[in-house]
């Protein structure tokens, strides 16, 4: 049975650290697939004008295309060139919730993310994505510093 590792990418250096850890684990495990997930944060509770709502679908498509081209596709190409089995996707919504949903759907054994950079008022009010994920995930979560 193939082990599946979910890796939350952010398009920055912390996500690269999470991916490096997943590659290390994959080598130790053997039969393993790395599932890359890039989340474009979106909240249904944000206030938008009717014009912004009308443009949302088009904007989501463009954001997905950009994230795929800049983050997911290059990471997948590198992983596959290095001999890893990997898949990737870009999603819109709450990162903690979606990472957990992907892990459940894929029957993953672990989620790997990097420590969140959130600080200040937003982190105090809403909590960090990493903290929410650790508290709510249905599978073990590894947080890479």
C-alpha atoms as a PDB file:
ATOM      1  CA  UNK A   1       0.000   0.000   0.000  1.00  0.00           C
ATOM      2  CA  UNK A   2       1.347   3.386  -0.991  1.00  0.00           C
ATOM      3  CA  UNK A   3       1.906   5.878   1.812  1.00  0.00           C
ATOM      4  CA  UNK A   4       0.623   9.366   1.041  1.00  0.00           C
ATOM      5  CA  UNK A   5       2.122  12.534   2.443  1.00  0.00           C
ATOM      6  CA  UNK A   6       0.259  15.819   2.044  1.00  0.00           C
ATOM      7  CA  UNK A   7       2.549  18.854   1.782  1.00  0.00           C
ATOM      8  CA  UNK A   8       1.192  22.360   2.185  1.00  0.00           C
ATOM      9  CA  UNK A   9       3.145  24.664  -0.103  1.00  0.00           C
ATOM     10  CA  UNK A  10       3.118  28.438   0.155  1.00  0.00           C
ATOM     11  CA  UNK A  11       5.366  29.388  -2.749  1.00  0.00           C
ATOM     12  CA  UNK A  12       8.066  30.597  -0.350  1.00  0.00           C
ATOM     13  CA  UNK A  13      11.017  29.255   1.612  1.00  0.00           C
ATOM     14  CA  UNK A  14       8.973  27.755   4.477  1.00  0.00           C
ATOM     15  CA  UNK A  15       7.070  25.596   1.996  1.00  0.00           C
ATOM     16  CA  UNK A  16      10.374  24.437   0.544  1.00  0.00           C
ATOM     17  CA  UNK A  17      11.434  23.284   4.022  1.00  0.00           C
ATOM     18  CA  UNK A  18       8.190  21.303   4.334  1.00  0.00           C
ATOM     19  CA  UNK A  19       8.801  19.753   0.924  1.00  0.00           C
ATOM     20  CA  UNK A  20      12.398  18.864   1.810  1.00  0.00           C
ATOM     21  CA  UNK A  21      11.148  17.062   4.922  1.00  0.00           C
ATOM     22  CA  UNK A  22       8.546  15.187   2.857  1.00  0.00           C
ATOM     23  CA  UNK A  23      11.254  14.091   0.424  1.00  0.00           C
ATOM     24  CA  UNK A  24      13.361  12.851   3.325  1.00  0.00           C
ATOM     25  CA  UNK A  25      10.415  10.879   4.751  1.00  0.00           C
ATOM     26  CA  UNK A  26       9.525   9.520   1.325  1.00  0.00           C
ATOM     27  CA  UNK A  27      13.036   8.099   0.927  1.00  0.00           C
ATOM     28  CA  UNK A  28      12.776   6.434   4.339  1.00  0.00           C
ATOM     29  CA  UNK A  29       9.305   5.030   3.634  1.00  0.00           C
ATOM     30  CA  UNK A  30       9.903   3.725   0.135  1.00  0.00           C
ATOM     31  CA  UNK A  31       6.537   3.302  -1.585  1.00  0.00           C
ATOM     32  CA  UNK A  32       5.290   6.841  -1.117  1.00  0.00           C
ATOM     33  CA  UNK A  33       3.398   9.533  -3.009  1.00  0.00           C
ATOM     34  CA  UNK A  34       3.835  13.199  -2.167  1.00  0.00           C
ATOM     35  CA  UNK A  35       0.645  15.209  -2.647  1.00  0.00           C
ATOM     36  CA  UNK A  36       1.405  18.932  -3.037  1.00  0.00           C
ATOM     37  CA  UNK A  37      -1.342  21.362  -2.043  1.00  0.00           C
ATOM     38  CA  UNK A  38      -1.294  25.119  -2.522  1.00  0.00           C
ATOM     39  CA  UNK A  39      -4.191  26.959  -0.889  1.00  0.00           C
ATOM     40  CA  UNK A  40      -5.335  30.375  -1.979  1.00  0.00           C
ATOM     41  CA  UNK A  41      -6.914  31.740   1.184  1.00  0.00           C
ATOM     42  CA  UNK A  42     -10.469  32.890   0.705  1.00  0.00           C
ATOM     43  CA  UNK A  43     -13.150  33.546   3.257  1.00  0.00           C
ATOM     44  CA  UNK A  44     -16.883  33.564   2.569  1.00  0.00           C
ATOM     45  CA  UNK A  45     -17.123  36.155   5.321  1.00  0.00           C
ATOM     46  CA  UNK A  46     -15.150  38.838   3.515  1.00  0.00           C
ATOM     47  CA  UNK A  47     -17.211  41.774   2.339  1.00  0.00           C
ATOM     48  CA  UNK A  48     -17.224  42.364  -1.392  1.00  0.00           C
ATOM     49  CA  UNK A  49     -19.074  44.595  -3.751  1.00  0.00           C
ATOM     50  CA  UNK A  50     -21.454  43.094  -6.339  1.00  0.00           C
ATOM     51  CA  UNK A  51     -18.838  43.880  -9.001  1.00  0.00           C
ATOM     52  CA  UNK A  52     -16.179  41.968  -7.068  1.00  0.00           C
ATOM     53  CA  UNK A  53     -18.539  39.011  -6.671  1.00  0.00           C
ATOM     54  CA  UNK A  54     -19.179  39.018 -10.421  1.00  0.00           C
ATOM     55  CA  UNK A  55     -15.429  38.875 -11.096  1.00  0.00           C
ATOM     56  CA  UNK A  56     -14.697  36.226  -8.432  1.00  0.00           C
ATOM     57  CA  UNK A  57     -14.874  33.205 -10.741  1.00  0.00           C
ATOM     58  CA  UNK A  58     -12.552  34.750 -13.312  1.00  0.00           C
ATOM     59  CA  UNK A  59     -10.159  35.894 -10.577  1.00  0.00           C
ATOM     60  CA  UNK A  60     -10.173  32.394  -9.007  1.00  0.00           C
ATOM     61  CA  UNK A  61      -9.308  30.825 -12.350  1.00  0.00           C
ATOM     62  CA  UNK A  62      -6.435  33.271 -12.874  1.00  0.00           C
ATOM     63  CA  UNK A  63      -5.112  32.770  -9.326  1.00  0.00           C
ATOM     64  CA  UNK A  64      -5.264  28.986  -9.789  1.00  0.00           C
ATOM     65  CA  UNK A  65      -3.426  29.195 -13.115  1.00  0.00           C
ATOM     66  CA  UNK A  66      -0.742  31.467 -11.652  1.00  0.00           C
ATOM     67  CA  UNK A  67      -0.214  29.283  -8.562  1.00  0.00           C
ATOM     68  CA  UNK A  68      -0.028  26.162 -10.724  1.00  0.00           C
ATOM     69  CA  UNK A  69       2.533  27.724 -13.059  1.00  0.00           C
ATOM     70  CA  UNK A  70       4.678  29.341 -10.354  1.00  0.00           C
ATOM     71  CA  UNK A  71       4.500  26.840  -7.491  1.00  0.00           C
ATOM     72  CA  UNK A  72       2.937  23.451  -8.235  1.00  0.00           C
ATOM     73  CA  UNK A  73       4.292  22.666 -11.724  1.00  0.00           C
ATOM     74  CA  UNK A  74       7.938  23.518 -10.944  1.00  0.00           C
ATOM     75  CA  UNK A  75       7.798  21.547  -7.674  1.00  0.00           C
ATOM     76  CA  UNK A  76       6.247  18.541  -9.439  1.00  0.00           C
ATOM     77  CA  UNK A  77       8.837  18.685 -12.219  1.00  0.00           C
ATOM     78  CA  UNK A  78      11.667  18.708  -9.681  1.00  0.00           C
ATOM     79  CA  UNK A  79      10.154  15.875  -7.638  1.00  0.00           C
ATOM     80  CA  UNK A  80       9.592  13.687 -10.673  1.00  0.00           C
ATOM     81  CA  UNK A  81      13.113  14.409 -12.004  1.00  0.00           C
ATOM     82  CA  UNK A  82      14.444  13.265  -8.612  1.00  0.00           C
ATOM     83  CA  UNK A  83      12.442  10.036  -8.862  1.00  0.00           C
ATOM     84  CA  UNK A  84       9.571  10.805  -6.473  1.00  0.00           C
ATOM     85  CA  UNK A  85       5.922   9.980  -7.129  1.00  0.00           C
ATOM     86  CA  UNK A  86       3.952  13.199  -6.773  1.00  0.00           C
ATOM     87  CA  UNK A  87       0.709  14.983  -7.589  1.00  0.00           C
ATOM     88  CA  UNK A  88      -0.365  18.559  -7.021  1.00  0.00           C
ATOM     89  CA  UNK A  89      -3.381  20.794  -6.812  1.00  0.00           C
ATOM     90  CA  UNK A  90      -4.411  24.370  -6.094  1.00  0.00           C
ATOM     91  CA  UNK A  91      -7.510  25.049  -3.998  1.00  0.00           C
ATOM     92  CA  UNK A  92      -9.387  28.108  -2.741  1.00  0.00           C
ATOM     93  CA  UNK A  93     -10.610  28.422   0.824  1.00  0.00           C
ATOM     94  CA  UNK A  94      -9.548  27.906   4.403  1.00  0.00           C
ATOM     95  CA  UNK A  95      -6.086  26.308   4.369  1.00  0.00           C
ATOM     96  CA  UNK A  96      -6.428  24.238   7.541  1.00  0.00           C
ATOM     97  CA  UNK A  97      -9.826  22.904   6.530  1.00  0.00           C
ATOM     98  CA  UNK A  98      -8.797  22.077   2.966  1.00  0.00           C
ATOM     99  CA  UNK A  99      -5.513  20.389   3.909  1.00  0.00           C
ATOM    100  CA  UNK A 100      -7.450  18.159   6.286  1.00  0.00           C
ATOM    101  CA  UNK A 101     -10.076  17.409   3.595  1.00  0.00           C
ATOM    102  CA  UNK A 102      -7.381  16.462   1.084  1.00  0.00           C
ATOM    103  CA  UNK A 103      -5.698  14.226   3.659  1.00  0.00           C
ATOM    104  CA  UNK A 104      -9.007  12.499   4.392  1.00  0.00           C
ATOM    105  CA  UNK A 105      -9.941  12.103   0.723  1.00  0.00           C
ATOM    106  CA  UNK A 106      -6.501  10.768  -0.223  1.00  0.00           C
ATOM    107  CA  UNK A 107      -6.324   8.531   2.880  1.00  0.00           C
ATOM    108  CA  UNK A 108      -2.999  10.170   3.696  1.00  0.00           C
ATOM    109  CA  UNK A 109      -0.871   9.131   6.619  1.00  0.00           C
ATOM    110  CA  UNK A 110       0.482  12.599   7.388  1.00  0.00           C
ATOM    111  CA  UNK A 111       0.273  16.317   6.607  1.00  0.00           C
ATOM    112  CA  UNK A 112       3.519  18.285   6.480  1.00  0.00           C
ATOM    113  CA  UNK A 113       3.507  22.082   6.723  1.00  0.00           C
ATOM    114  CA  UNK A 114       5.967  24.797   7.658  1.00  0.00           C
ATOM    115  CA  UNK A 115       5.563  27.005  10.688  1.00  0.00           C
ATOM    116  CA  UNK A 116       3.224  29.889  10.009  1.00  0.00           C
ATOM    117  CA  UNK A 117       4.501  33.445   9.708  1.00  0.00           C
ATOM    118  CA  UNK A 118       1.247  34.943  10.957  1.00  0.00           C
ATOM    119  CA  UNK A 119       1.683  37.297  13.852  1.00  0.00           C
ATOM    120  CA  UNK A 120       0.049  40.250  15.464  1.00  0.00           C
ATOM    121  CA  UNK A 121      -3.643  40.999  15.530  1.00  0.00           C
ATOM    122  CA  UNK A 122      -4.732  38.533  12.819  1.00  0.00           C
ATOM    123  CA  UNK A 123      -3.009  35.586  14.504  1.00  0.00           C
ATOM    124  CA  UNK A 124      -4.472  36.511  17.887  1.00  0.00           C
ATOM    125  CA  UNK A 125      -7.976  36.963  16.502  1.00  0.00           C
ATOM    126  CA  UNK A 126      -8.158  34.000  14.138  1.00  0.00           C
ATOM    127  CA  UNK A 127      -5.221  31.814  15.176  1.00  0.00           C
ATOM    128  CA  UNK A 128      -2.579  30.642  12.774  1.00  0.00           C
ATOM    129  CA  UNK A 129      -3.339  28.206   9.979  1.00  0.00           C
ATOM    130  CA  UNK A 130      -0.781  25.821  11.451  1.00  0.00           C
ATOM    131  CA  UNK A 131      -2.357  25.914  14.919  1.00  0.00           C
ATOM    132  CA  UNK A 132      -5.848  25.341  13.484  1.00  0.00           C
ATOM    133  CA  UNK A 133      -4.577  22.452  11.385  1.00  0.00           C
ATOM    134  CA  UNK A 134      -2.787  20.780  14.290  1.00  0.00           C
ATOM    135  CA  UNK A 135      -5.905  21.038  16.452  1.00  0.00           C
ATOM    136  CA  UNK A 136      -8.381  19.820  13.819  1.00  0.00           C
ATOM    137  CA  UNK A 137      -6.575  17.387  11.497  1.00  0.00           C
ATOM    138  CA  UNK A 138      -7.690  13.788  11.308  1.00  0.00           C
ATOM    139  CA  UNK A 139      -4.130  12.589  10.624  1.00  0.00           C
ATOM    140  CA  UNK A 140      -0.790  13.422  12.240  1.00  0.00           C
ATOM    141  CA  UNK A 141       0.625  16.829  11.331  1.00  0.00           C
ATOM    142  CA  UNK A 142       4.357  17.522  11.153  1.00  0.00           C
ATOM    143  CA  UNK A 143       5.250  21.193  11.512  1.00  0.00           C
ATOM    144  CA  UNK A 144       8.652  22.024  10.082  1.00  0.00           C
ATOM    145  CA  UNK A 145      10.409  25.010  11.622  1.00  0.00           C
END
